[in-house]
Amino acid sequence: EIKNMPNYFADYDTTVHFISEEELLKEHSE
């Protein structure tokens, strides 16, 4: 659904990583 979303991702090379909530808060809070 992410990779095929029009106007957002469909026209790009898109990589999706599934991570834990703890990792998101630690590494991607900014």
PDB file of all heavy atoms in Angstrom:
ATOM      1  N   GLU A   1       0.828  -1.205   0.000  1.00  0.00           N
ATOM      2  CA  GLU A   1       0.000   0.000   0.000  1.00  0.00           C
ATOM      3  C   GLU A   1       0.864   1.257   0.000  1.00  0.00           C
ATOM      4  O   GLU A   1       0.532   2.250  -0.655  1.00  0.00           O
ATOM      5  CB  GLU A   1      -0.939  -0.015   1.208  1.00  0.00           C
ATOM      6  CG  GLU A   1      -2.046   1.020   1.112  1.00  0.00           C
ATOM      7  CD  GLU A   1      -3.159   0.818   2.127  1.00  0.00           C
ATOM      8  OE1 GLU A   1      -3.283  -0.297   2.677  1.00  0.00           O
ATOM      9  OE2 GLU A   1      -3.924   1.785   2.350  1.00  0.00           O
ATOM     10  N   ILE A   2       1.969   1.225   0.738  1.00  0.00           N
ATOM     11  CA  ILE A   2       2.885   2.369   0.738  1.00  0.00           C
ATOM     12  C   ILE A   2       3.464   2.577  -0.647  1.00  0.00           C
ATOM     13  O   ILE A   2       3.397   3.679  -1.214  1.00  0.00           O
ATOM     14  CB  ILE A   2       4.023   2.153   1.764  1.00  0.00           C
ATOM     15  CG1 ILE A   2       3.486   2.196   3.196  1.00  0.00           C
ATOM     16  CG2 ILE A   2       5.113   3.226   1.577  1.00  0.00           C
ATOM     17  CD1 ILE A   2       4.500   1.773   4.242  1.00  0.00           C
ATOM     18  N   LYS A   3       4.034   1.525  -1.216  1.00  0.00           N
ATOM     19  CA  LYS A   3       4.756   1.648  -2.486  1.00  0.00           C
ATOM     20  C   LYS A   3       3.850   2.035  -3.654  1.00  0.00           C
ATOM     21  O   LYS A   3       4.320   2.618  -4.641  1.00  0.00           O
ATOM     22  CB  LYS A   3       5.485   0.344  -2.803  1.00  0.00           C
ATOM     23  CG  LYS A   3       6.668   0.080  -1.880  1.00  0.00           C
ATOM     24  CD  LYS A   3       7.434  -1.169  -2.284  1.00  0.00           C
ATOM     25  CE  LYS A   3       8.689  -1.335  -1.459  1.00  0.00           C
ATOM     26  NZ  LYS A   3       9.479  -2.528  -1.856  1.00  0.00           N
ATOM     27  N   ASN A   4       2.570   1.736  -3.541  1.00  0.00           N
ATOM     28  CA  ASN A   4       1.641   2.045  -4.637  1.00  0.00           C
ATOM     29  C   ASN A   4       0.771   3.261  -4.375  1.00  0.00           C
ATOM     30  O   ASN A   4      -0.157   3.547  -5.144  1.00  0.00           O
ATOM     31  CB  ASN A   4       0.751   0.821  -4.910  1.00  0.00           C
ATOM     32  CG  ASN A   4       1.536  -0.343  -5.467  1.00  0.00           C
ATOM     33  OD1 ASN A   4       2.103  -0.273  -6.550  1.00  0.00           O
ATOM     34  ND2 ASN A   4       1.594  -1.431  -4.709  1.00  0.00           N
ATOM     35  N   MET A   5       1.066   4.025  -3.313  1.00  0.00           N
ATOM     36  CA  MET A   5       0.244   5.178  -2.962  1.00  0.00           C
ATOM     37  C   MET A   5       0.462   6.317  -3.966  1.00  0.00           C
ATOM     38  O   MET A   5       1.566   6.835  -4.098  1.00  0.00           O
ATOM     39  CB  MET A   5       0.598   5.660  -1.543  1.00  0.00           C
ATOM     40  CG  MET A   5      -0.364   6.707  -1.000  1.00  0.00           C
ATOM     41  SD  MET A   5       0.146   7.308   0.654  1.00  0.00           S
ATOM     42  CE  MET A   5       0.047   5.800   1.619  1.00  0.00           C
ATOM     43  N   PRO A   6      -0.582   6.720  -4.698  1.00  0.00           N
ATOM     44  CA  PRO A   6      -0.418   7.798  -5.678  1.00  0.00           C
ATOM     45  C   PRO A   6      -0.116   9.125  -5.003  1.00  0.00           C
ATOM     46  O   PRO A   6      -0.526   9.368  -3.867  1.00  0.00           O
ATOM     47  CB  PRO A   6      -1.784   7.838  -6.387  1.00  0.00           C
ATOM     48  CG  PRO A   6      -2.744   7.213  -5.426  1.00  0.00           C
ATOM     49  CD  PRO A   6      -1.953   6.202  -4.656  1.00  0.00           C
ATOM     50  N   ASN A   7       0.639   9.975  -5.702  1.00  0.00           N
ATOM     51  CA  ASN A   7       1.037  11.315  -5.232  1.00  0.00           C
ATOM     52  C   ASN A   7       2.065  11.284  -4.112  1.00  0.00           C
ATOM     53  O   ASN A   7       2.598  12.327  -3.746  1.00  0.00           O
ATOM     54  CB  ASN A   7      -0.170  12.149  -4.762  1.00  0.00           C
ATOM     55  CG  ASN A   7      -1.192  12.346  -5.849  1.00  0.00           C
ATOM     56  OD1 ASN A   7      -0.851  12.604  -7.001  1.00  0.00           O
ATOM     57  ND2 ASN A   7      -2.472  12.225  -5.501  1.00  0.00           N
ATOM     58  N   TYR A   8       2.350  10.117  -3.570  1.00  0.00           N
ATOM     59  CA  TYR A   8       3.286  10.029  -2.452  1.00  0.00           C
ATOM     60  C   TYR A   8       4.476   9.113  -2.759  1.00  0.00           C
ATOM     61  O   TYR A   8       5.627   9.517  -2.597  1.00  0.00           O
ATOM     62  CB  TYR A   8       2.572   9.541  -1.188  1.00  0.00           C
ATOM     63  CG  TYR A   8       1.699  10.597  -0.539  1.00  0.00           C
ATOM     64  CD1 TYR A   8       0.378  10.777  -0.928  1.00  0.00           C
ATOM     65  CD2 TYR A   8       2.205  11.431   0.451  1.00  0.00           C
ATOM     66  CE1 TYR A   8      -0.410  11.761  -0.345  1.00  0.00           C
ATOM     67  CE2 TYR A   8       1.424  12.409   1.049  1.00  0.00           C
ATOM     68  CZ  TYR A   8       0.116  12.576   0.643  1.00  0.00           C
ATOM     69  OH  TYR A   8      -0.665  13.558   1.213  1.00  0.00           O
ATOM     70  N   PHE A   9       4.204   7.856  -3.178  1.00  0.00           N
ATOM     71  CA  PHE A   9       5.294   6.893  -3.316  1.00  0.00           C
ATOM     72  C   PHE A   9       5.336   6.165  -4.656  1.00  0.00           C
ATOM     73  O   PHE A   9       6.362   5.592  -5.010  1.00  0.00           O
ATOM     74  CB  PHE A   9       5.211   5.843  -2.197  1.00  0.00           C
ATOM     75  CG  PHE A   9       5.326   6.435  -0.820  1.00  0.00           C
ATOM     76  CD1 PHE A   9       4.195   6.658  -0.049  1.00  0.00           C
ATOM     77  CD2 PHE A   9       6.564   6.772  -0.295  1.00  0.00           C
ATOM     78  CE1 PHE A   9       4.301   7.203   1.222  1.00  0.00           C
ATOM     79  CE2 PHE A   9       6.680   7.322   0.969  1.00  0.00           C
ATOM     80  CZ  PHE A   9       5.544   7.541   1.732  1.00  0.00           C
ATOM     81  N   ALA A  10       4.241   6.151  -5.381  1.00  0.00           N
ATOM     82  CA  ALA A  10       4.146   5.296  -6.569  1.00  0.00           C
ATOM     83  C   ALA A  10       5.201   5.606  -7.625  1.00  0.00           C
ATOM     84  O   ALA A  10       5.623   4.709  -8.364  1.00  0.00           O
ATOM     85  CB  ALA A  10       2.745   5.406  -7.177  1.00  0.00           C
ATOM     86  N   ASP A  11       5.640   6.862  -7.716  1.00  0.00           N
ATOM     87  CA  ASP A  11       6.589   7.251  -8.765  1.00  0.00           C
ATOM     88  C   ASP A  11       8.044   7.211  -8.320  1.00  0.00           C
ATOM     89  O   ASP A  11       8.924   7.694  -9.036  1.00  0.00           O
ATOM     90  CB  ASP A  11       6.257   8.662  -9.258  1.00  0.00           C
ATOM     91  CG  ASP A  11       4.894   8.727  -9.920  1.00  0.00           C
ATOM     92  OD1 ASP A  11       4.491   7.736 -10.545  1.00  0.00           O
ATOM     93  OD2 ASP A  11       4.224   9.774  -9.793  1.00  0.00           O
ATOM     94  N   TYR A  12       8.327   6.637  -7.148  1.00  0.00           N
ATOM     95  CA  TYR A  12       9.677   6.640  -6.597  1.00  0.00           C
ATOM     96  C   TYR A  12      10.140   5.219  -6.284  1.00  0.00           C
ATOM     97  O   TYR A  12       9.322   4.321  -6.039  1.00  0.00           O
ATOM     98  CB  TYR A  12       9.721   7.447  -5.288  1.00  0.00           C
ATOM     99  CG  TYR A  12       9.311   8.883  -5.421  1.00  0.00           C
ATOM    100  CD1 TYR A  12       7.967   9.261  -5.363  1.00  0.00           C
ATOM    101  CD2 TYR A  12      10.265   9.884  -5.597  1.00  0.00           C
ATOM    102  CE1 TYR A  12       7.582  10.586  -5.480  1.00  0.00           C
ATOM    103  CE2 TYR A  12       9.896  11.221  -5.707  1.00  0.00           C
ATOM    104  CZ  TYR A  12       8.547  11.560  -5.654  1.00  0.00           C
ATOM    105  OH  TYR A  12       8.176  12.876  -5.771  1.00  0.00           O
ATOM    106  N   ASP A  13      11.456   5.018  -6.257  1.00  0.00           N
ATOM    107  CA  ASP A  13      12.015   3.800  -5.681  1.00  0.00           C
ATOM    108  C   ASP A  13      11.915   3.947  -4.171  1.00  0.00           C
ATOM    109  O   ASP A  13      12.533   4.837  -3.569  1.00  0.00           O
ATOM    110  CB  ASP A  13      13.471   3.622  -6.113  1.00  0.00           C
ATOM    111  CG  ASP A  13      13.594   3.242  -7.582  1.00  0.00           C
ATOM    112  OD1 ASP A  13      12.647   2.634  -8.120  1.00  0.00           O
ATOM    113  OD2 ASP A  13      14.625   3.566  -8.202  1.00  0.00           O
ATOM    114  N   THR A  14      11.115   3.102  -3.563  1.00  0.00           N
ATOM    115  CA  THR A  14      10.785   3.226  -2.143  1.00  0.00           C
ATOM    116  C   THR A  14      11.200   1.974  -1.384  1.00  0.00           C
ATOM    117  O   THR A  14      10.892   0.859  -1.806  1.00  0.00           O
ATOM    118  CB  THR A  14       9.268   3.458  -1.957  1.00  0.00           C
ATOM    119  OG1 THR A  14       8.885   4.642  -2.651  1.00  0.00           O
ATOM    120  CG2 THR A  14       8.900   3.588  -0.493  1.00  0.00           C
ATOM    121  N   THR A  15      11.882   2.170  -0.265  1.00  0.00           N
ATOM    122  CA  THR A  15      12.285   1.068   0.607  1.00  0.00           C
ATOM    123  C   THR A  15      11.505   1.168   1.911  1.00  0.00           C
ATOM    124  O   THR A  15      11.394   2.259   2.484  1.00  0.00           O
ATOM    125  CB  THR A  15      13.794   1.132   0.913  1.00  0.00           C
ATOM    126  OG1 THR A  15      14.521   1.130  -0.321  1.00  0.00           O
ATOM    127  CG2 THR A  15      14.223  -0.062   1.751  1.00  0.00           C
ATOM    128  N   VAL A  16      10.967   0.048   2.370  1.00  0.00           N
ATOM    129  CA  VAL A  16      10.187   0.018   3.608  1.00  0.00           C
ATOM    130  C   VAL A  16      10.888  -0.889   4.618  1.00  0.00           C
ATOM    131  O   VAL A  16      11.170  -2.054   4.326  1.00  0.00           O
ATOM    132  CB  VAL A  16       8.751  -0.480   3.356  1.00  0.00           C
ATOM    133  CG1 VAL A  16       7.964  -0.535   4.670  1.00  0.00           C
ATOM    134  CG2 VAL A  16       8.038   0.409   2.342  1.00  0.00           C
ATOM    135  N   HIS A  17      11.183  -0.339   5.804  1.00  0.00           N
ATOM    136  CA  HIS A  17      11.771  -1.111   6.900  1.00  0.00           C
ATOM    137  C   HIS A  17      10.748  -1.199   8.030  1.00  0.00           C
ATOM    138  O   HIS A  17      10.210  -0.175   8.458  1.00  0.00           O
ATOM    139  CB  HIS A  17      13.029  -0.432   7.444  1.00  0.00           C
ATOM    140  CG  HIS A  17      14.052  -0.082   6.405  1.00  0.00           C
ATOM    141  ND1 HIS A  17      14.962  -0.987   5.918  1.00  0.00           N
ATOM    142  CD2 HIS A  17      14.301   1.087   5.761  1.00  0.00           C
ATOM    143  CE1 HIS A  17      15.746  -0.394   5.027  1.00  0.00           C
ATOM    144  NE2 HIS A  17      15.355   0.869   4.908  1.00  0.00           N
ATOM    145  N   PHE A  18      10.504  -2.390   8.524  1.00  0.00           N
ATOM    146  CA  PHE A  18       9.645  -2.547   9.702  1.00  0.00           C
ATOM    147  C   PHE A  18      10.534  -2.664  10.939  1.00  0.00           C
ATOM    148  O   PHE A  18      11.435  -3.507  10.996  1.00  0.00           O
ATOM    149  CB  PHE A  18       8.749  -3.778   9.557  1.00  0.00           C
ATOM    150  CG  PHE A  18       7.660  -3.591   8.538  1.00  0.00           C
ATOM    151  CD1 PHE A  18       7.833  -4.051   7.235  1.00  0.00           C
ATOM    152  CD2 PHE A  18       6.494  -2.924   8.866  1.00  0.00           C
ATOM    153  CE1 PHE A  18       6.847  -3.856   6.289  1.00  0.00           C
ATOM    154  CE2 PHE A  18       5.493  -2.728   7.923  1.00  0.00           C
ATOM    155  CZ  PHE A  18       5.676  -3.199   6.627  1.00  0.00           C
ATOM    156  N   ILE A  19      10.309  -1.771  11.891  1.00  0.00           N
ATOM    157  CA  ILE A  19      11.151  -1.707  13.082  1.00  0.00           C
ATOM    158  C   ILE A  19      10.267  -1.635  14.328  1.00  0.00           C
ATOM    159  O   ILE A  19       9.046  -1.443  14.237  1.00  0.00           O
ATOM    160  CB  ILE A  19      12.107  -0.491  13.043  1.00  0.00           C
ATOM    161  CG1 ILE A  19      11.312   0.823  12.995  1.00  0.00           C
ATOM    162  CG2 ILE A  19      13.066  -0.598  11.850  1.00  0.00           C
ATOM    163  CD1 ILE A  19      12.196   2.077  13.062  1.00  0.00           C
ATOM    164  N   SER A  20      10.901  -1.747  15.481  1.00  0.00           N
ATOM    165  CA  SER A  20      10.158  -1.668  16.749  1.00  0.00           C
ATOM    166  C   SER A  20       9.868  -0.210  17.102  1.00  0.00           C
ATOM    167  O   SER A  20      10.524   0.707  16.601  1.00  0.00           O
ATOM    168  CB  SER A  20      10.959  -2.305  17.877  1.00  0.00           C
ATOM    169  OG  SER A  20      12.115  -1.522  18.157  1.00  0.00           O
ATOM    170  N   GLU A  21       8.901  -0.032  17.988  1.00  0.00           N
ATOM    171  CA  GLU A  21       8.577   1.312  18.450  1.00  0.00           C
ATOM    172  C   GLU A  21       9.757   1.927  19.202  1.00  0.00           C
ATOM    173  O   GLU A  21      10.032   3.127  19.077  1.00  0.00           O
ATOM    174  CB  GLU A  21       7.339   1.265  19.347  1.00  0.00           C
ATOM    175  CG  GLU A  21       6.775   2.631  19.685  1.00  0.00           C
ATOM    176  CD  GLU A  21       5.427   2.552  20.364  1.00  0.00           C
ATOM    177  OE1 GLU A  21       5.053   1.456  20.838  1.00  0.00           O
ATOM    178  OE2 GLU A  21       4.737   3.589  20.424  1.00  0.00           O
ATOM    179  N   GLU A  22      10.488   1.097  19.932  1.00  0.00           N
ATOM    180  CA  GLU A  22      11.651   1.576  20.679  1.00  0.00           C
ATOM    181  C   GLU A  22      12.722   2.096  19.726  1.00  0.00           C
ATOM    182  O   GLU A  22      13.333   3.141  19.974  1.00  0.00           O
ATOM    183  CB  GLU A  22      12.219   0.452  21.550  1.00  0.00           C
ATOM    184  CG  GLU A  22      11.336   0.024  22.714  1.00  0.00           C
ATOM    185  CD  GLU A  22      10.130  -0.808  22.267  1.00  0.00           C
ATOM    186  OE1 GLU A  22      10.168  -1.387  21.149  1.00  0.00           O
ATOM    187  OE2 GLU A  22       9.152  -0.873  23.028  1.00  0.00           O
ATOM    188  N   GLU A  23      12.958   1.373  18.642  1.00  0.00           N
ATOM    189  CA  GLU A  23      13.968   1.801  17.675  1.00  0.00           C
ATOM    190  C   GLU A  23      13.548   3.094  16.978  1.00  0.00           C
ATOM    191  O   GLU A  23      14.375   3.977  16.730  1.00  0.00           O
ATOM    192  CB  GLU A  23      14.212   0.707  16.636  1.00  0.00           C
ATOM    193  CG  GLU A  23      15.345   1.052  15.674  1.00  0.00           C
ATOM    194  CD  GLU A  23      15.632  -0.056  14.679  1.00  0.00           C
ATOM    195  OE1 GLU A  23      15.103  -1.177  14.842  1.00  0.00           O
ATOM    196  OE2 GLU A  23      16.383   0.200  13.718  1.00  0.00           O
ATOM    197  N   LEU A  24      12.267   3.215  16.681  1.00  0.00           N
ATOM    198  CA  LEU A  24      11.786   4.440  16.029  1.00  0.00           C
ATOM    199  C   LEU A  24      12.029   5.641  16.934  1.00  0.00           C
ATOM    200  O   LEU A  24      12.507   6.686  16.475  1.00  0.00           O
ATOM    201  CB  LEU A  24      10.294   4.321  15.701  1.00  0.00           C
ATOM    202  CG  LEU A  24       9.728   5.461  14.862  1.00  0.00           C
ATOM    203  CD1 LEU A  24      10.069   5.285  13.391  1.00  0.00           C
ATOM    204  CD2 LEU A  24       8.214   5.580  15.024  1.00  0.00           C
ATOM    205  N   LEU A  25      11.695   5.500  18.220  1.00  0.00           N
ATOM    206  CA  LEU A  25      11.882   6.606  19.155  1.00  0.00           C
ATOM    207  C   LEU A  25      13.356   6.936  19.359  1.00  0.00           C
ATOM    208  O   LEU A  25      13.734   8.100  19.484  1.00  0.00           O
ATOM    209  CB  LEU A  25      11.227   6.262  20.495  1.00  0.00           C
ATOM    210  CG  LEU A  25       9.695   6.198  20.497  1.00  0.00           C
ATOM    211  CD1 LEU A  25       9.187   5.645  21.817  1.00  0.00           C
ATOM    212  CD2 LEU A  25       9.089   7.564  20.221  1.00  0.00           C
ATOM    213  N   LYS A  26      14.195   5.924  19.362  1.00  0.00           N
ATOM    214  CA  LYS A  26      15.621   6.125  19.611  1.00  0.00           C
ATOM    215  C   LYS A  26      16.337   6.715  18.395  1.00  0.00           C
ATOM    216  O   LYS A  26      17.144   7.637  18.518  1.00  0.00           O
ATOM    217  CB  LYS A  26      16.270   4.801  19.997  1.00  0.00           C
ATOM    218  CG  LYS A  26      17.758   4.909  20.294  1.00  0.00           C
ATOM    219  CD  LYS A  26      18.349   3.562  20.677  1.00  0.00           C
ATOM    220  CE  LYS A  26      19.846   3.671  20.934  1.00  0.00           C
ATOM    221  NZ  LYS A  26      20.458   2.355  21.278  1.00  0.00           N
ATOM    222  N   GLU A  27      16.031   6.202  17.202  1.00  0.00           N
ATOM    223  CA  GLU A  27      16.797   6.546  16.010  1.00  0.00           C
ATOM    224  C   GLU A  27      16.111   7.569  15.099  1.00  0.00           C
ATOM    225  O   GLU A  27      16.758   8.177  14.245  1.00  0.00           O
ATOM    226  CB  GLU A  27      17.088   5.275  15.191  1.00  0.00           C
ATOM    227  CG  GLU A  27      17.842   4.199  15.960  1.00  0.00           C
ATOM    228  CD  GLU A  27      19.253   4.609  16.316  1.00  0.00           C
ATOM    229  OE1 GLU A  27      19.795   5.508  15.638  1.00  0.00           O
ATOM    230  OE2 GLU A  27      19.814   4.037  17.268  1.00  0.00           O
ATOM    231  N   HIS A  28      14.806   7.763  15.267  1.00  0.00           N
ATOM    232  CA  HIS A  28      14.079   8.586  14.292  1.00  0.00           C
ATOM    233  C   HIS A  28      13.115   9.571  14.953  1.00  0.00           C
ATOM    234  O   HIS A  28      12.073   9.902  14.393  1.00  0.00           O
ATOM    235  CB  HIS A  28      13.298   7.676  13.321  1.00  0.00           C
ATOM    236  CG  HIS A  28      14.149   6.645  12.651  1.00  0.00           C
ATOM    237  ND1 HIS A  28      15.002   6.936  11.616  1.00  0.00           N
ATOM    238  CD2 HIS A  28      14.294   5.315  12.907  1.00  0.00           C
ATOM    239  CE1 HIS A  28      15.630   5.830  11.233  1.00  0.00           C
ATOM    240  NE2 HIS A  28      15.217   4.832  11.998  1.00  0.00           N
ATOM    241  N   SER A  29      13.473  10.079  16.129  1.00  0.00           N
ATOM    242  CA  SER A  29      12.587  11.010  16.831  1.00  0.00           C
ATOM    243  C   SER A  29      12.749  12.446  16.350  1.00  0.00           C
ATOM    244  O   SER A  29      11.856  13.274  16.528  1.00  0.00           O
ATOM    245  CB  SER A  29      12.825  10.942  18.342  1.00  0.00           C
ATOM    246  OG  SER A  29      14.175  11.271  18.644  1.00  0.00           O
ATOM    247  N   GLU A  30      13.904  12.764  15.766  1.00  0.00           N
ATOM    248  CA  GLU A  30      14.121  14.119  15.255  1.00  0.00           C
ATOM    249  C   GLU A  30      13.435  14.294  13.902  1.00  0.00           C
ATOM    250  O   GLU A  30      13.131  13.314  13.218  1.00  0.00           O
ATOM    251  CB  GLU A  30      15.623  14.400  15.122  1.00  0.00           C
ATOM    252  CG  GLU A  30      16.390  14.319  16.432  1.00  0.00           C
ATOM    253  CD  GLU A  30      15.919  15.351  17.449  1.00  0.00           C
ATOM    254  OE1 GLU A  30      15.623  16.487  17.030  1.00  0.00           O
ATOM    255  OE2 GLU A  30      15.842  15.022  18.650  1.00  0.00           O
TER     256      GLU A  30
END
